[in-house]
Amino acid sequence: MTSILPPVPPVPPVPPSLAGRIVVPDDTRYERLRHGYVHRGSPAAVLLPEDAGQTAEALAYARSLGSAVSVRSGGHGISGRSTNDGGAVVDMSRLDEVRVLDRTRRRIRVGAGARWGRVAQALAPHGLAVSSGDTGDVGVGGLVTAGGMGWLARLHGLTVDHVTAVELVLADGTFVRTDAEREPDLFWAVRGAGGNFGVVTAVELEAYETGDVVFANLVFDAGDAAALIEAWGAVLEAAPRELTSFLTFMPGGPGRPHLAHVAAVYAGSAEQGAAERALTPLLGIGPPVQQRAVLAPYSALVPVSGVAHHGQQQLAATRSGLLDHLTAAAARAVADALESGQVLMQQFRSVGGAVNDVDPAATAYAHRTQNFSLMSATVPELESGLDTHWARLAPHLNGMYLSFDTRRTRQVLTEAFPEPALSRLRALKERYDPENVFDRNFPLK
């Protein structure tokens, strides 16, 4: 698929302090840095700071261009907001340090530009891990400010639930370190809505003891997708929280059946038979096509590929919703969308468990009753069909996860941040970013 990108305007003279850290269209590095994983872009400049001070300088220069300012944490994302046309991208990929601060207390420090696979690799020798999505190429900064639904979510909660401190540069260039004692309102806000408040440079987290886990990869004939969805949901709600699972549907080609892919991670007791007891109920959710389970270190589940981004993911129109339960009616609505040919991917992630142990008021991510997250995706040419089916599913949804949705409407904002969280976020936005510099995610103003 090709796209016609608008011409890139010239940029002002580069300050000496940023020499070598700005990539413009005639730079040989530009093609490698201009795009995101999903969306293609043609920014006027990509800035590559190497520390917090340079991040403040890069942000000031980006603002001087007078157009869009996007922040990219270094890894791939789905929402497509880490690039733009004609504006500036502050790319944090050079701030990628991963350090164990205190092994006894399991405290770690991670640069916002690191990728989670590298974090997993660095923590593995210490017997530690942080649950962080399903691929190692996701950047730390974007995920850790939005939520973080990973392979260990039901056992350990969201990534934001383990953040103990955040360092960021505010819109006016001020450097702030925030935690439960210092600027606690900001600390609350950045754990769920961080993209609206500054450029995160580093985070500190409390990791957890993690040895080998059991990873199961199951494939089913999805001829009766609705029944399979409902059965999978029932298994997960009854499962021990040591089990987390994703369910993904991809439509079959001509003459080929739809298939359902179930990935599941058991990270509990090493007692003989414990993993088998937790995983066995998944085998009965539909007609099996293939099944495989392996014992592996957590880091093996999130390898880093290091592939350059060039807008390679064609499913660039996405919708996100959270569900308390996978009822028969909700399952039927999802199955109908799959069968329509308009929706080219449906993925459920199990949450609940430890995610729902957290007080909804503890972080800006306030969704603490739901058991499932759903992302539906298609190509831009079929987006209207996706919206038609999404409207039918809407009565069954209860909130959404902002990193998995490409919409930017006011309605989506209220779904992402239910009251009283939204009013509190808007008040804090006036305090920390009154000029609305950070408006590329869900604009709060």
Protein backbone atom coordinates (compact mmCIF):
# COMPACT_ATOMS: atom_id res chain seq x y z
CA MET A 1 0.00 0.00 0.00
CA THR A 2 1.43 3.40 -0.92
CA SER A 3 0.74 6.80 0.54
CA ILE A 4 1.43 10.31 -0.69
CA LEU A 5 3.16 12.31 2.01
CA PRO A 6 3.09 16.13 2.05
CA PRO A 7 6.29 18.08 1.39
CA VAL A 8 8.45 18.68 4.44
CA PRO A 9 9.00 22.37 5.28
CA PRO A 10 12.50 23.68 6.04
CA VAL A 11 13.55 23.88 9.69
CA PRO A 12 15.15 26.80 11.59
CA PRO A 13 18.91 26.78 12.20
CA VAL A 14 19.99 24.08 14.63
CA PRO A 15 21.35 25.35 17.97
CA PRO A 16 24.94 24.27 18.68
CA SER A 17 23.76 22.39 21.77
CA LEU A 18 21.83 20.01 19.53
CA ALA A 19 24.46 19.51 16.83
CA GLY A 20 24.39 15.94 15.63
CA ARG A 21 21.20 15.20 17.49
CA ILE A 22 18.72 16.47 14.91
CA VAL A 23 17.85 14.46 11.83
CA VAL A 24 16.25 16.37 8.96
CA PRO A 25 15.01 15.09 5.58
CA ASP A 26 18.35 15.37 3.77
CA ASP A 27 20.13 13.35 6.48
CA THR A 28 20.92 9.73 5.59
CA ARG A 29 19.39 8.66 8.93
CA TYR A 30 16.04 10.24 8.17
CA GLU A 31 14.44 7.30 6.38
CA ARG A 32 15.17 5.05 9.34
CA LEU A 33 13.64 7.45 11.86
CA ARG A 34 10.72 9.18 10.17
CA HIS A 35 8.08 6.44 10.46
CA GLY A 36 6.44 4.49 13.26
CA TYR A 37 5.58 0.81 13.40
CA VAL A 38 2.04 1.40 12.11
CA HIS A 39 1.93 4.87 10.59
CA ARG A 40 4.21 6.53 8.09
CA GLY A 41 5.35 10.09 8.71
CA SER A 42 7.28 13.01 7.26
CA PRO A 43 8.34 15.15 10.23
CA ALA A 44 10.43 18.25 9.66
CA ALA A 45 12.91 17.03 12.26
CA VAL A 46 13.62 14.05 14.50
CA LEU A 47 15.53 14.92 17.67
CA LEU A 48 17.68 12.38 19.51
CA PRO A 49 18.54 13.60 23.03
CA GLU A 50 20.90 11.56 25.19
CA ASP A 51 20.02 12.77 28.68
CA ALA A 52 17.43 14.81 30.54
CA GLY A 53 19.14 18.13 29.84
CA GLN A 54 19.26 17.47 26.11
CA THR A 55 15.65 16.35 26.27
CA ALA A 56 14.67 19.79 27.56
CA GLU A 57 16.69 21.41 24.76
CA ALA A 58 15.15 19.13 22.16
CA LEU A 59 11.64 19.90 23.39
CA ALA A 60 12.30 23.65 23.27
CA TYR A 61 13.57 23.37 19.72
CA ALA A 62 10.64 21.18 18.71
CA ARG A 63 8.24 23.78 20.08
CA SER A 64 10.04 26.52 18.15
CA LEU A 65 8.99 24.88 14.90
CA GLY A 66 5.42 25.92 15.68
CA SER A 67 3.75 22.66 14.67
CA ALA A 68 3.05 19.18 16.03
CA VAL A 69 5.35 17.73 18.68
CA SER A 70 5.36 13.93 18.93
CA VAL A 71 7.25 11.96 21.57
CA ARG A 72 8.55 8.50 20.70
CA SER A 73 9.84 6.26 23.45
CA GLY A 74 11.92 4.22 21.04
CA GLY A 75 9.77 1.16 20.39
CA HIS A 76 6.78 0.29 18.33
CA GLY A 77 3.25 1.25 19.21
CA ILE A 78 -0.19 0.69 17.77
CA SER A 79 -1.91 4.06 18.09
CA GLY A 80 0.46 5.67 15.58
CA ARG A 81 1.02 8.87 17.54
CA SER A 82 4.81 8.72 17.63
CA THR A 83 5.30 10.45 14.29
CA ASN A 84 3.65 13.23 12.30
CA ASP A 85 3.80 15.24 9.09
CA GLY A 86 5.69 18.54 9.16
CA GLY A 87 6.27 18.70 12.89
CA ALA A 88 8.98 17.41 15.23
CA VAL A 89 9.55 14.01 16.82
CA VAL A 90 11.45 13.80 20.09
CA ASP A 91 12.89 10.28 19.90
CA MET A 92 14.03 8.96 23.27
CA SER A 93 15.74 5.81 22.02
CA ARG A 94 19.18 6.89 23.21
CA LEU A 95 18.05 7.00 26.84
CA ASP A 96 18.02 3.23 27.15
CA GLU A 97 19.92 2.36 30.32
CA VAL A 98 18.62 -0.59 32.38
CA ARG A 99 20.04 -0.85 35.90
CA VAL A 100 19.28 -2.86 39.05
CA LEU A 101 19.42 -0.32 41.87
CA ASP A 102 18.76 -2.65 44.79
CA ARG A 103 18.44 -6.40 44.25
CA THR A 104 17.20 -7.02 47.79
CA ARG A 105 14.32 -4.58 47.38
CA ARG A 106 13.97 -5.48 43.66
CA ARG A 107 14.24 -1.82 42.62
CA ILE A 108 15.28 -1.09 39.04
CA ARG A 109 15.79 2.02 36.91
CA VAL A 110 14.98 2.05 33.19
CA GLY A 111 15.48 4.74 30.57
CA ALA A 112 12.32 5.69 28.68
CA GLY A 113 13.94 4.81 25.36
CA ALA A 114 14.75 1.21 26.24
CA ARG A 115 12.69 -1.60 24.76
CA TRP A 116 11.03 -4.07 27.08
CA GLY A 117 12.82 -7.05 25.60
CA ARG A 118 16.13 -5.50 26.59
CA VAL A 119 14.74 -4.85 30.07
CA ALA A 120 13.78 -8.52 30.36
CA GLN A 121 17.22 -9.65 29.22
CA ALA A 122 18.96 -7.36 31.69
CA LEU A 123 16.81 -8.52 34.61
CA ALA A 124 16.93 -12.25 33.83
CA PRO A 125 20.35 -12.90 35.43
CA HIS A 126 18.98 -11.41 38.65
CA GLY A 127 15.87 -13.60 38.61
CA LEU A 128 13.64 -10.56 38.14
CA ALA A 129 11.02 -9.45 35.64
CA VAL A 130 8.43 -6.75 34.95
CA SER A 131 5.32 -7.70 32.98
CA SER A 132 5.25 -5.44 29.95
CA GLY A 133 3.10 -6.27 26.95
CA ASP A 134 3.53 -9.17 24.56
CA THR A 135 6.52 -8.15 22.45
CA GLY A 136 10.02 -7.05 23.29
CA ASP A 137 10.05 -4.25 20.73
CA VAL A 138 7.62 -2.02 22.63
CA GLY A 139 9.29 1.05 24.11
CA VAL A 140 9.36 1.62 27.86
CA GLY A 141 8.12 5.22 27.94
CA GLY A 142 4.90 4.74 25.99
CA LEU A 143 3.76 1.60 27.78
CA VAL A 144 4.73 2.61 31.30
CA THR A 145 2.70 5.81 31.06
CA ALA A 146 -0.41 4.11 29.65
CA GLY A 147 -0.93 0.89 31.62
CA GLY A 148 0.97 -2.17 30.47
CA MET A 149 -1.00 -5.39 29.92
CA GLY A 150 1.54 -8.18 29.78
CA TRP A 151 2.06 -11.91 30.08
CA LEU A 152 2.07 -11.73 33.88
CA ALA A 153 -0.80 -9.27 34.33
CA ARG A 154 -3.21 -11.50 36.24
CA LEU A 155 -0.46 -12.51 38.66
CA HIS A 156 1.34 -9.20 39.14
CA GLY A 157 -0.91 -6.47 37.70
CA LEU A 158 -0.21 -3.75 35.17
CA THR A 159 3.23 -2.28 34.57
CA VAL A 160 2.07 1.07 36.04
CA ASP A 161 1.23 -0.71 39.29
CA HIS A 162 4.94 -1.29 39.90
CA VAL A 163 6.24 2.20 39.09
CA THR A 164 7.83 3.84 42.14
CA ALA A 165 9.19 7.04 40.55
CA VAL A 166 9.06 8.88 37.23
CA GLU A 167 11.49 11.46 35.87
CA LEU A 168 10.21 13.75 33.14
CA VAL A 169 10.66 17.06 31.39
CA LEU A 170 7.61 19.30 31.54
CA ALA A 171 6.38 21.50 28.69
CA ASP A 172 8.33 24.51 29.97
CA GLY A 173 11.57 22.52 30.13
CA THR A 174 11.50 21.94 33.89
CA PHE A 175 12.93 18.60 35.02
CA VAL A 176 10.80 16.85 37.66
CA ARG A 177 11.23 13.67 39.65
CA THR A 178 7.88 12.56 40.98
CA ASP A 179 6.86 9.75 43.33
CA ALA A 180 4.35 9.12 46.11
CA GLU A 181 5.87 11.90 48.26
CA ARG A 182 7.12 14.42 45.68
CA GLU A 183 4.44 15.94 43.45
CA PRO A 184 2.05 13.06 44.19
CA ASP A 185 -0.69 14.46 41.93
CA LEU A 186 1.66 14.34 38.96
CA PHE A 187 2.78 10.85 39.97
CA TRP A 188 -0.87 9.76 39.92
CA ALA A 189 -1.44 11.32 36.50
CA VAL A 190 1.56 9.95 34.65
CA ARG A 191 0.57 6.38 35.57
CA GLY A 192 -2.13 6.09 32.94
CA ALA A 193 -2.11 9.48 31.19
CA GLY A 194 1.58 10.29 31.10
CA GLY A 195 1.64 11.31 27.44
CA ASN A 196 -0.29 14.44 28.37
CA PHE A 197 2.12 15.77 30.98
CA GLY A 198 5.70 15.65 29.78
CA VAL A 199 8.53 13.74 28.17
CA VAL A 200 9.44 10.83 30.42
CA THR A 201 13.19 10.27 30.59
CA ALA A 202 13.38 7.41 33.13
CA VAL A 203 11.26 5.35 35.48
CA GLU A 204 11.98 3.34 38.59
CA LEU A 205 10.00 0.20 39.27
CA GLU A 206 9.69 -2.60 41.77
CA ALA A 207 10.33 -5.81 39.81
CA TYR A 208 9.33 -9.26 41.04
CA GLU A 209 10.98 -12.62 41.44
CA THR A 210 10.42 -14.63 38.28
CA GLY A 211 11.96 -17.93 37.25
CA ASP A 212 11.04 -20.02 34.25
CA VAL A 213 7.43 -19.91 33.08
CA VAL A 214 5.33 -22.32 31.04
CA PHE A 215 4.31 -20.89 27.69
CA ALA A 216 1.54 -22.65 25.78
CA ASN A 217 0.69 -21.96 22.14
CA LEU A 218 -2.65 -23.48 21.11
CA VAL A 219 -4.46 -23.24 17.76
CA PHE A 220 -8.15 -24.01 17.29
CA ASP A 221 -10.59 -24.20 14.42
CA ALA A 222 -12.70 -21.09 14.90
CA GLY A 223 -15.68 -22.17 12.84
CA ASP A 224 -17.84 -21.35 15.87
CA ALA A 225 -15.96 -18.31 17.05
CA ALA A 226 -18.68 -17.09 19.40
CA ALA A 227 -18.75 -20.34 21.37
CA LEU A 228 -14.96 -20.41 21.52
CA ILE A 229 -14.78 -16.81 22.83
CA GLU A 230 -17.36 -17.49 25.51
CA ALA A 231 -15.62 -20.72 26.57
CA TRP A 232 -12.17 -19.08 26.70
CA GLY A 233 -13.56 -16.27 28.83
CA ALA A 234 -15.15 -18.70 31.27
CA VAL A 235 -11.88 -20.62 31.63
CA LEU A 236 -9.91 -17.47 32.38
CA GLU A 237 -12.35 -16.15 34.95
CA ALA A 238 -12.15 -19.48 36.78
CA ALA A 239 -8.39 -19.87 36.37
CA PRO A 240 -5.81 -19.25 39.07
CA ARG A 241 -4.28 -15.82 38.68
CA GLU A 242 -0.95 -17.44 37.84
CA LEU A 243 -2.42 -17.99 34.36
CA THR A 244 -2.64 -15.13 31.84
CA SER A 245 -3.83 -15.69 28.29
CA PHE A 246 -4.37 -13.91 24.98
CA LEU A 247 -6.86 -15.02 22.33
CA THR A 248 -6.28 -13.83 18.76
CA PHE A 249 -8.41 -14.37 15.65
CA MET A 250 -7.13 -13.94 12.12
CA PRO A 251 -9.54 -14.65 9.24
CA GLY A 252 -8.79 -17.58 6.99
CA GLY A 253 -8.16 -17.15 3.30
CA PRO A 254 -10.31 -18.57 0.50
CA GLY A 255 -11.15 -22.18 1.26
CA ARG A 256 -9.39 -22.05 4.62
CA PRO A 257 -11.04 -21.95 8.06
CA HIS A 258 -10.76 -19.13 10.53
CA LEU A 259 -8.22 -19.97 13.21
CA ALA A 260 -8.02 -18.93 16.83
CA HIS A 261 -4.59 -18.63 18.45
CA VAL A 262 -4.42 -18.96 22.21
CA ALA A 263 -1.20 -17.97 23.94
CA ALA A 264 -1.04 -18.65 27.66
CA VAL A 265 1.60 -18.17 30.33
CA TYR A 266 1.61 -20.00 33.64
CA ALA A 267 3.97 -18.36 36.11
CA GLY A 268 3.04 -20.04 39.35
CA SER A 269 4.20 -22.88 41.54
CA ALA A 270 6.85 -25.28 40.26
CA GLU A 271 4.94 -28.09 41.96
CA GLN A 272 4.59 -31.00 39.58
CA GLY A 273 1.28 -30.86 37.76
CA ALA A 274 0.38 -27.28 38.78
CA ALA A 275 0.93 -25.84 35.31
CA GLU A 276 -0.89 -28.75 33.69
CA ARG A 277 -3.92 -28.27 35.93
CA ALA A 278 -4.06 -24.58 35.09
CA LEU A 279 -3.64 -25.03 31.34
CA THR A 280 -5.75 -28.15 30.70
CA PRO A 281 -9.15 -26.38 30.72
CA LEU A 282 -8.00 -24.30 27.72
CA LEU A 283 -7.76 -27.46 25.62
CA GLY A 284 -11.52 -27.87 25.71
CA ILE A 285 -12.62 -24.49 24.35
CA GLY A 286 -12.84 -25.64 20.72
CA PRO A 287 -11.65 -28.12 18.08
CA PRO A 288 -7.84 -28.28 18.45
CA VAL A 289 -5.55 -27.89 15.46
CA GLN A 290 -2.22 -27.73 17.23
CA GLN A 291 -0.88 -27.48 20.76
CA ARG A 292 2.55 -26.92 22.22
CA ALA A 293 3.91 -25.96 25.62
CA VAL A 294 7.46 -25.16 26.67
CA LEU A 295 9.27 -24.18 29.83
CA ALA A 296 11.22 -20.98 29.21
CA PRO A 297 12.63 -17.93 30.95
CA TYR A 298 10.32 -14.92 30.86
CA SER A 299 12.83 -13.02 28.70
CA ALA A 300 12.33 -15.59 25.92
CA LEU A 301 8.70 -14.47 25.59
CA VAL A 302 9.64 -10.88 24.73
CA PRO A 303 12.69 -10.99 22.43
CA VAL A 304 13.93 -7.82 20.76
CA SER A 305 14.04 -7.98 16.99
CA GLY A 306 15.45 -4.50 16.44
CA VAL A 307 13.57 -4.21 13.15
CA ALA A 308 13.47 -0.65 11.78
CA HIS A 309 10.06 0.97 11.57
CA HIS A 310 8.64 1.89 8.19
CA GLY A 311 4.89 1.75 8.74
CA GLN A 312 5.02 -2.00 8.15
CA GLN A 313 1.90 -2.91 10.15
CA GLN A 314 -0.97 -2.50 7.69
CA LEU A 315 -3.75 -2.88 10.28
CA ALA A 316 -3.62 0.82 11.01
CA ALA A 317 -7.23 1.35 12.14
CA THR A 318 -7.78 -0.01 15.64
CA ARG A 319 -10.46 0.07 18.33
CA SER A 320 -10.08 -0.82 21.99
CA GLY A 321 -12.58 -1.83 24.64
CA LEU A 322 -12.68 -3.45 28.06
CA LEU A 323 -15.25 -6.02 29.14
CA ASP A 324 -16.26 -7.21 32.57
CA HIS A 325 -17.29 -10.61 31.19
CA LEU A 326 -17.42 -12.37 27.83
CA THR A 327 -21.16 -12.97 27.67
CA ALA A 328 -22.84 -14.88 24.87
CA ALA A 329 -24.08 -11.61 23.35
CA ALA A 330 -20.65 -9.97 23.46
CA ALA A 331 -19.01 -13.07 21.98
CA ARG A 332 -21.59 -13.13 19.18
CA ALA A 333 -20.92 -9.47 18.33
CA VAL A 334 -17.18 -10.10 18.06
CA ALA A 335 -17.71 -13.23 15.97
CA ASP A 336 -20.04 -11.36 13.59
CA ALA A 337 -17.38 -8.72 13.04
CA LEU A 338 -14.81 -11.39 12.25
CA GLU A 339 -17.13 -13.12 9.80
CA SER A 340 -17.93 -9.86 8.02
CA GLY A 341 -14.51 -9.64 6.41
CA GLN A 342 -14.30 -5.98 7.50
CA VAL A 343 -12.38 -6.64 10.70
CA LEU A 344 -9.09 -8.38 10.04
CA MET A 345 -7.91 -9.06 13.57
CA GLN A 346 -9.52 -9.49 16.96
CA GLN A 347 -7.38 -9.94 20.06
CA PHE A 348 -8.50 -10.46 23.65
CA ARG A 349 -6.14 -10.11 26.60
CA SER A 350 -7.05 -11.40 30.02
CA VAL A 351 -6.70 -8.95 32.87
CA GLY A 352 -8.48 -9.11 36.22
CA GLY A 353 -6.63 -10.89 39.01
CA ALA A 354 -3.94 -8.63 40.47
CA VAL A 355 -4.94 -5.81 38.08
CA ASN A 356 -8.22 -5.53 39.96
CA ASP A 357 -6.63 -5.62 43.40
CA VAL A 358 -5.63 -1.96 42.94
CA ASP A 359 -7.89 0.87 44.08
CA PRO A 360 -9.38 2.56 40.95
CA ALA A 361 -8.33 5.92 42.41
CA ALA A 362 -4.68 4.91 42.89
CA THR A 363 -3.60 5.70 39.31
CA ALA A 364 -5.00 7.60 36.34
CA TYR A 365 -5.64 4.18 34.81
CA ALA A 366 -8.89 3.59 36.66
CA HIS A 367 -10.23 0.38 35.08
CA ARG A 368 -10.13 -2.13 37.92
CA THR A 369 -13.26 -4.26 37.51
CA GLN A 370 -12.87 -5.64 34.00
CA ASN A 371 -11.54 -9.08 33.19
CA PHE A 372 -10.80 -8.67 29.48
CA SER A 373 -9.36 -6.22 26.98
CA LEU A 374 -10.27 -6.37 23.28
CA MET A 375 -8.49 -4.81 20.33
CA SER A 376 -10.07 -4.95 16.88
CA ALA A 377 -8.07 -3.91 13.83
CA THR A 378 -8.37 -3.52 10.09
CA VAL A 379 -6.83 -1.65 7.18
CA PRO A 380 -7.79 2.02 6.74
CA GLU A 381 -9.89 1.24 3.66
CA LEU A 382 -12.23 -0.86 5.82
CA GLU A 383 -12.41 1.47 8.81
CA SER A 384 -16.06 2.38 8.28
CA GLY A 385 -16.95 -1.32 8.45
CA LEU A 386 -14.95 -1.64 11.65
CA ASP A 387 -16.91 1.26 13.14
CA THR A 388 -20.22 -0.34 12.16
CA HIS A 389 -19.36 -3.50 14.03
CA TRP A 390 -17.81 -1.62 16.92
CA ALA A 391 -21.10 0.26 17.44
CA ARG A 392 -22.86 -3.10 17.82
CA LEU A 393 -20.32 -4.19 20.40
CA ALA A 394 -20.41 -0.90 22.35
CA PRO A 395 -23.25 -1.88 24.75
CA HIS A 396 -21.07 -4.69 26.07
CA LEU A 397 -17.99 -2.53 26.71
CA ASN A 398 -16.91 -0.85 29.91
CA GLY A 399 -14.01 1.49 29.21
CA MET A 400 -11.02 1.19 26.92
CA TYR A 401 -7.21 1.01 26.85
CA LEU A 402 -5.91 4.09 25.08
CA SER A 403 -2.72 2.63 23.59
CA PHE A 404 -4.74 0.24 21.42
CA ASP A 405 -7.06 2.80 19.79
CA THR A 406 -6.41 5.16 16.89
CA ARG A 407 -9.43 7.39 17.54
CA ARG A 408 -9.10 10.80 19.25
CA THR A 409 -12.72 11.79 19.89
CA ARG A 410 -14.16 13.22 23.11
CA GLN A 411 -16.25 10.10 23.56
CA VAL A 412 -13.11 7.97 23.54
CA LEU A 413 -11.55 10.27 26.12
CA THR A 414 -14.40 9.66 28.55
CA GLU A 415 -14.15 5.92 27.97
CA ALA A 416 -10.42 5.96 28.70
CA PHE A 417 -10.71 8.12 31.82
CA PRO A 418 -14.01 7.66 33.67
CA GLU A 419 -15.00 10.28 36.20
CA PRO A 420 -13.74 11.46 38.60
CA ALA A 421 -10.38 10.68 36.95
CA LEU A 422 -11.06 12.84 33.87
CA SER A 423 -11.89 16.00 35.84
CA ARG A 424 -8.81 15.52 37.99
CA LEU A 425 -6.63 15.02 34.91
CA ARG A 426 -7.99 18.18 33.27
CA ALA A 427 -7.22 20.24 36.36
CA LEU A 428 -3.68 18.87 36.46
CA LYS A 429 -3.28 19.54 32.73
CA GLU A 430 -3.95 23.24 33.40
CA ARG A 431 -1.25 23.21 36.04
CA TYR A 432 1.47 21.29 34.21
CA ASP A 433 0.79 21.90 30.51
CA PRO A 434 -1.47 24.96 30.15
CA GLU A 435 -0.46 25.51 26.52
CA ASN A 436 -1.37 21.94 25.59
CA VAL A 437 2.02 21.15 24.12
CA PHE A 438 1.45 17.42 24.66
CA ASP A 439 -1.71 16.90 22.65
CA ARG A 440 -0.81 13.96 20.44
CA ASN A 441 -2.42 11.19 22.50
CA PHE A 442 -5.86 11.98 23.90
CA PRO A 443 -6.04 15.76 24.27
CA LEU A 444 -7.39 16.53 27.71
CA LYS A 445 -8.16 20.14 26.80
